[in-house]
C-alpha atoms as a PDB file:
ATOM      1  CA  MET A   1     186.148 108.910 117.735  1.00  0.00           C
ATOM      2  CA  ASP A   2     183.047 106.815 118.647  1.00  0.00           C
ATOM      3  CA  PRO A   3     184.446 103.058 118.996  1.00  0.00           C
ATOM      4  CA  GLN A   4     181.201 101.820 117.922  1.00  0.00           C
ATOM      5  CA  SER A   5     181.342 103.632 114.571  1.00  0.00           C
ATOM      6  CA  MET A   6     184.616 101.865 113.736  1.00  0.00           C
ATOM      7  CA  PRO A   7     184.386  98.647 111.621  1.00  0.00           C
ATOM      8  CA  VAL A   8     184.349  95.213 113.503  1.00  0.00           C
ATOM      9  CA  THR A   9     187.699  94.427 112.723  1.00  0.00           C
ATOM     10  CA  GLN A  10     189.190  97.753 114.312  1.00  0.00           C
ATOM     11  CA  ARG A  11     187.099  97.248 117.294  1.00  0.00           C
ATOM     12  CA  VAL A  12     188.715  93.632 117.528  1.00  0.00           C
ATOM     13  CA  LYS A  13     192.064  94.957 117.295  1.00  0.00           C
ATOM     14  CA  ALA A  14     191.302  97.612 119.795  1.00  0.00           C
ATOM     15  CA  LEU A  15     190.083  94.803 122.286  1.00  0.00           C
ATOM     16  CA  VAL A  16     193.352  92.761 121.422  1.00  0.00           C
ATOM     17  CA  LYS A  17     195.625  95.396 122.134  1.00  0.00           C
ATOM     18  CA  ALA A  18     193.718  96.372 125.369  1.00  0.00           C
ATOM     19  CA  LEU A  19     193.866  92.713 126.413  1.00  0.00           C
ATOM     20  CA  ASN A  20     197.806  92.839 126.179  1.00  0.00           C
ATOM     21  CA  GLY A  21     198.968  93.188 129.807  1.00  0.00           C
ATOM     22  CA  ALA A  22     195.354  92.870 131.294  1.00  0.00           C
ATOM     23  CA  ARG A  23     196.466  90.311 133.555  1.00  0.00           C
ATOM     24  CA  ARG A  24     193.270  89.479 135.377  1.00  0.00           C
ATOM     25  CA  THR A  25     191.561  89.194 132.095  1.00  0.00           C
ATOM     26  CA  ASN A  26     194.089  87.220 130.670  1.00  0.00           C
ATOM     27  CA  GLU A  27     193.962  84.701 133.577  1.00  0.00           C
ATOM     28  CA  ALA A  28     190.178  84.509 133.356  1.00  0.00           C
ATOM     29  CA  LEU A  29     190.615  83.486 129.690  1.00  0.00           C
ATOM     30  CA  ALA A  30     193.204  80.601 130.743  1.00  0.00           C
ATOM     31  CA  ARG A  31     190.812  79.378 133.111  1.00  0.00           C
ATOM     32  CA  CYS A  32     187.967  78.988 130.688  1.00  0.00           C
ATOM     33  CA  SER A  33     187.090  75.479 129.751  1.00  0.00           C
ATOM     34  CA  ASP A  34     185.699  76.246 126.410  1.00  0.00           C
ATOM     35  CA  GLY A  35     185.342  78.733 123.891  1.00  0.00           C
ATOM     36  CA  GLU A  36     181.731  80.024 125.042  1.00  0.00           C
ATOM     37  CA  GLN A  37     183.178  80.893 128.408  1.00  0.00           C
ATOM     38  CA  MET A  38     186.015  82.636 126.468  1.00  0.00           C
ATOM     39  CA  LEU A  39     183.414  84.735 124.221  1.00  0.00           C
ATOM     40  CA  ASP A  40     181.523  85.581 127.696  1.00  0.00           C
ATOM     41  CA  VAL A  41     184.928  87.035 129.074  1.00  0.00           C
ATOM     42  CA  LEU A  42     185.509  88.921 125.825  1.00  0.00           C
ATOM     43  CA  LEU A  43     182.173  90.452 125.671  1.00  0.00           C
ATOM     44  CA  ASP A  44     182.446  91.716 129.333  1.00  0.00           C
ATOM     45  CA  ALA A  45     185.959  93.138 128.400  1.00  0.00           C
ATOM     46  CA  SER A  46     184.373  94.590 125.050  1.00  0.00           C
ATOM     47  CA  ALA A  47     181.180  96.150 127.150  1.00  0.00           C
ATOM     48  CA  LYS A  48     183.960  97.763 129.632  1.00  0.00           C
ATOM     49  CA  LEU A  49     185.811  99.268 127.021  1.00  0.00           C
ATOM     50  CA  GLY A  50     182.538 100.650 125.253  1.00  0.00           C
ATOM     51  CA  LEU A  51     183.326  98.661 121.947  1.00  0.00           C
ATOM     52  CA  GLY A  52     179.913  97.156 121.524  1.00  0.00           C
ATOM     53  CA  LEU A  53     181.061  93.893 120.108  1.00  0.00           C
ATOM     54  CA  THR A  54     178.712  91.076 119.800  1.00  0.00           C
ATOM     55  CA  ARG A  55     179.193  87.357 120.478  1.00  0.00           C
ATOM     56  CA  GLU A  56     178.686  86.854 116.657  1.00  0.00           C
ATOM     57  CA  GLN A  57     181.234  89.326 115.780  1.00  0.00           C
ATOM     58  CA  LEU A  58     183.676  88.276 118.231  1.00  0.00           C
ATOM     59  CA  ALA A  59     183.114  84.300 117.077  1.00  0.00           C
ATOM     60  CA  ASN A  60     183.835  85.097 113.507  1.00  0.00           C
ATOM     61  CA  THR A  61     186.412  87.768 113.543  1.00  0.00           C
ATOM     62  CA  PRO A  62     190.259  86.902 113.705  1.00  0.00           C
ATOM     63  CA  PRO A  63     192.268  86.561 116.136  1.00  0.00           C
ATOM     64  CA  ILE A  64     189.581  85.919 118.604  1.00  0.00           C
ATOM     65  CA  ARG A  65     187.758  83.302 116.290  1.00  0.00           C
ATOM     66  CA  ASP A  66     191.055  81.293 116.226  1.00  0.00           C
ATOM     67  CA  TRP A  67     191.486  81.642 119.996  1.00  0.00           C
ATOM     68  CA  VAL A  68     188.025  80.247 120.149  1.00  0.00           C
ATOM     69  CA  TRP A  69     188.902  77.532 117.648  1.00  0.00           C
ATOM     70  CA  TRP A  70     192.069  76.262 119.514  1.00  0.00           C
ATOM     71  CA  LYS A  71     190.287  76.152 122.736  1.00  0.00           C
ATOM     72  CA  ASN A  72     187.753  74.076 121.465  1.00  0.00           C
ATOM     73  CA  LYS A  73     189.896  72.037 119.203  1.00  0.00           C
ATOM     74  CA  GLU A  74     187.436  72.557 116.428  1.00  0.00           C
ATOM     75  CA  ALA A  75     189.314  72.283 113.171  1.00  0.00           C
ATOM     76  CA  LEU A  76     188.513  75.028 110.415  1.00  0.00           C
ATOM     77  CA  LEU A  77     189.679  72.820 107.647  1.00  0.00           C
ATOM     78  CA  THR A  78     189.724  69.024 107.435  1.00  0.00           C
ATOM     79  CA  ILE A  79     191.710  66.762 105.415  1.00  0.00           C
ATOM     80  CA  GLY A  80     191.734  63.385 104.354  1.00  0.00           C
ATOM     81  CA  ASP A  81     188.906  61.348 106.181  1.00  0.00           C
ATOM     82  CA  ASN A  82     187.019  64.242 107.318  1.00  0.00           C
ATOM     83  CA  LYS A  83     188.702  64.242 110.709  1.00  0.00           C
ATOM     84  CA  PRO A  84     190.036  67.492 112.106  1.00  0.00           C
ATOM     85  CA  ARG A  85     193.742  67.767 111.392  1.00  0.00           C
ATOM     86  CA  TYR A  86     194.781  67.566 114.947  1.00  0.00           C
ATOM     87  CA  GLN A  87     192.999  64.115 115.270  1.00  0.00           C
ATOM     88  CA  GLN A  88     194.925  62.870 112.169  1.00  0.00           C
ATOM     89  CA  ASP A  89     198.194  63.558 113.660  1.00  0.00           C
ATOM     90  CA  GLY A  90     198.790  60.237 115.341  1.00  0.00           C
ATOM     91  CA  GLY A  91     196.607  60.261 118.186  1.00  0.00           C
ATOM     92  CA  GLN A  92     198.744  62.665 120.324  1.00  0.00           C
ATOM     93  CA  GLY A  93     198.924  61.264 123.739  1.00  0.00           C
ATOM     94  CA  ARG A  94     195.987  58.739 123.143  1.00  0.00           C
ATOM     95  CA  ARG A  95     196.320  54.946 123.457  1.00  0.00           C
ATOM     96  CA  GLY A  96     197.042  53.221 120.363  1.00  0.00           C
ATOM     97  CA  PRO A  97     194.849  50.506 118.628  1.00  0.00           C
ATOM     98  CA  ALA A  98     194.492  47.232 120.088  1.00  0.00           C
ATOM     99  CA  SER A  99     196.273  45.434 117.076  1.00  0.00           C
ATOM    100  CA  ASP A 100     197.475  46.580 113.538  1.00  0.00           C
ATOM    101  CA  THR A 101     194.584  45.383 111.660  1.00  0.00           C
ATOM    102  CA  GLU A 102     192.175  47.664 113.653  1.00  0.00           C
ATOM    103  CA  THR A 103     192.322  51.390 114.304  1.00  0.00           C
ATOM    104  CA  ALA A 104     191.540  53.226 117.692  1.00  0.00           C
ATOM    105  CA  ALA A 105     188.048  53.780 116.220  1.00  0.00           C
ATOM    106  CA  GLY A 106     187.403  50.288 115.202  1.00  0.00           C
ATOM    107  CA  GLU A 107     187.788  50.986 111.238  1.00  0.00           C
ATOM    108  CA  PRO A 108     190.047  48.970 109.063  1.00  0.00           C
ATOM    109  CA  PRO A 109     193.650  50.388 108.681  1.00  0.00           C
ATOM    110  CA  ARG A 110     194.434  52.953 105.995  1.00  0.00           C
ATOM    111  CA  ARG A 111     196.236  51.875 102.809  1.00  0.00           C
ATOM    112  CA  ARG A 112     199.508  53.773 102.845  1.00  0.00           C
ATOM    113  CA  PHE A 113     200.719  55.371  99.791  1.00  0.00           C
ATOM    114  CA  PHE A 114     204.528  54.986  99.270  1.00  0.00           C
ATOM    115  CA  GLY A 115     204.832  57.328  96.017  1.00  0.00           C
ATOM    116  CA  LEU A 116     205.564  56.498  92.531  1.00  0.00           C
ATOM    117  CA  PHE A 117     209.673  56.590  92.980  1.00  0.00           C
END
């Protein structure tokens, strides 16, 4: 069966399966500094396998879409103050605010909801 005649999801699944155990490709993906470099490596792997995937197909199809999101730290969904969820989780190693009356971004502190009971 011609790989290019398969649906995109099946071609991406074949690429992911081929990457399992591909040491050099996995090392190249780990060295990438952002999602765009990851897409370049994955496009090259797709071309070598004859899958014919495009950058847009890779960027929009899970699980590769999620890998790129994770590398770029761009949230697919935001909650609360229109900040990505990973930024709302307490700073994660970043230096805290200068005082209790000011947040790290210079905004007034958020009101806390303690519940009804």
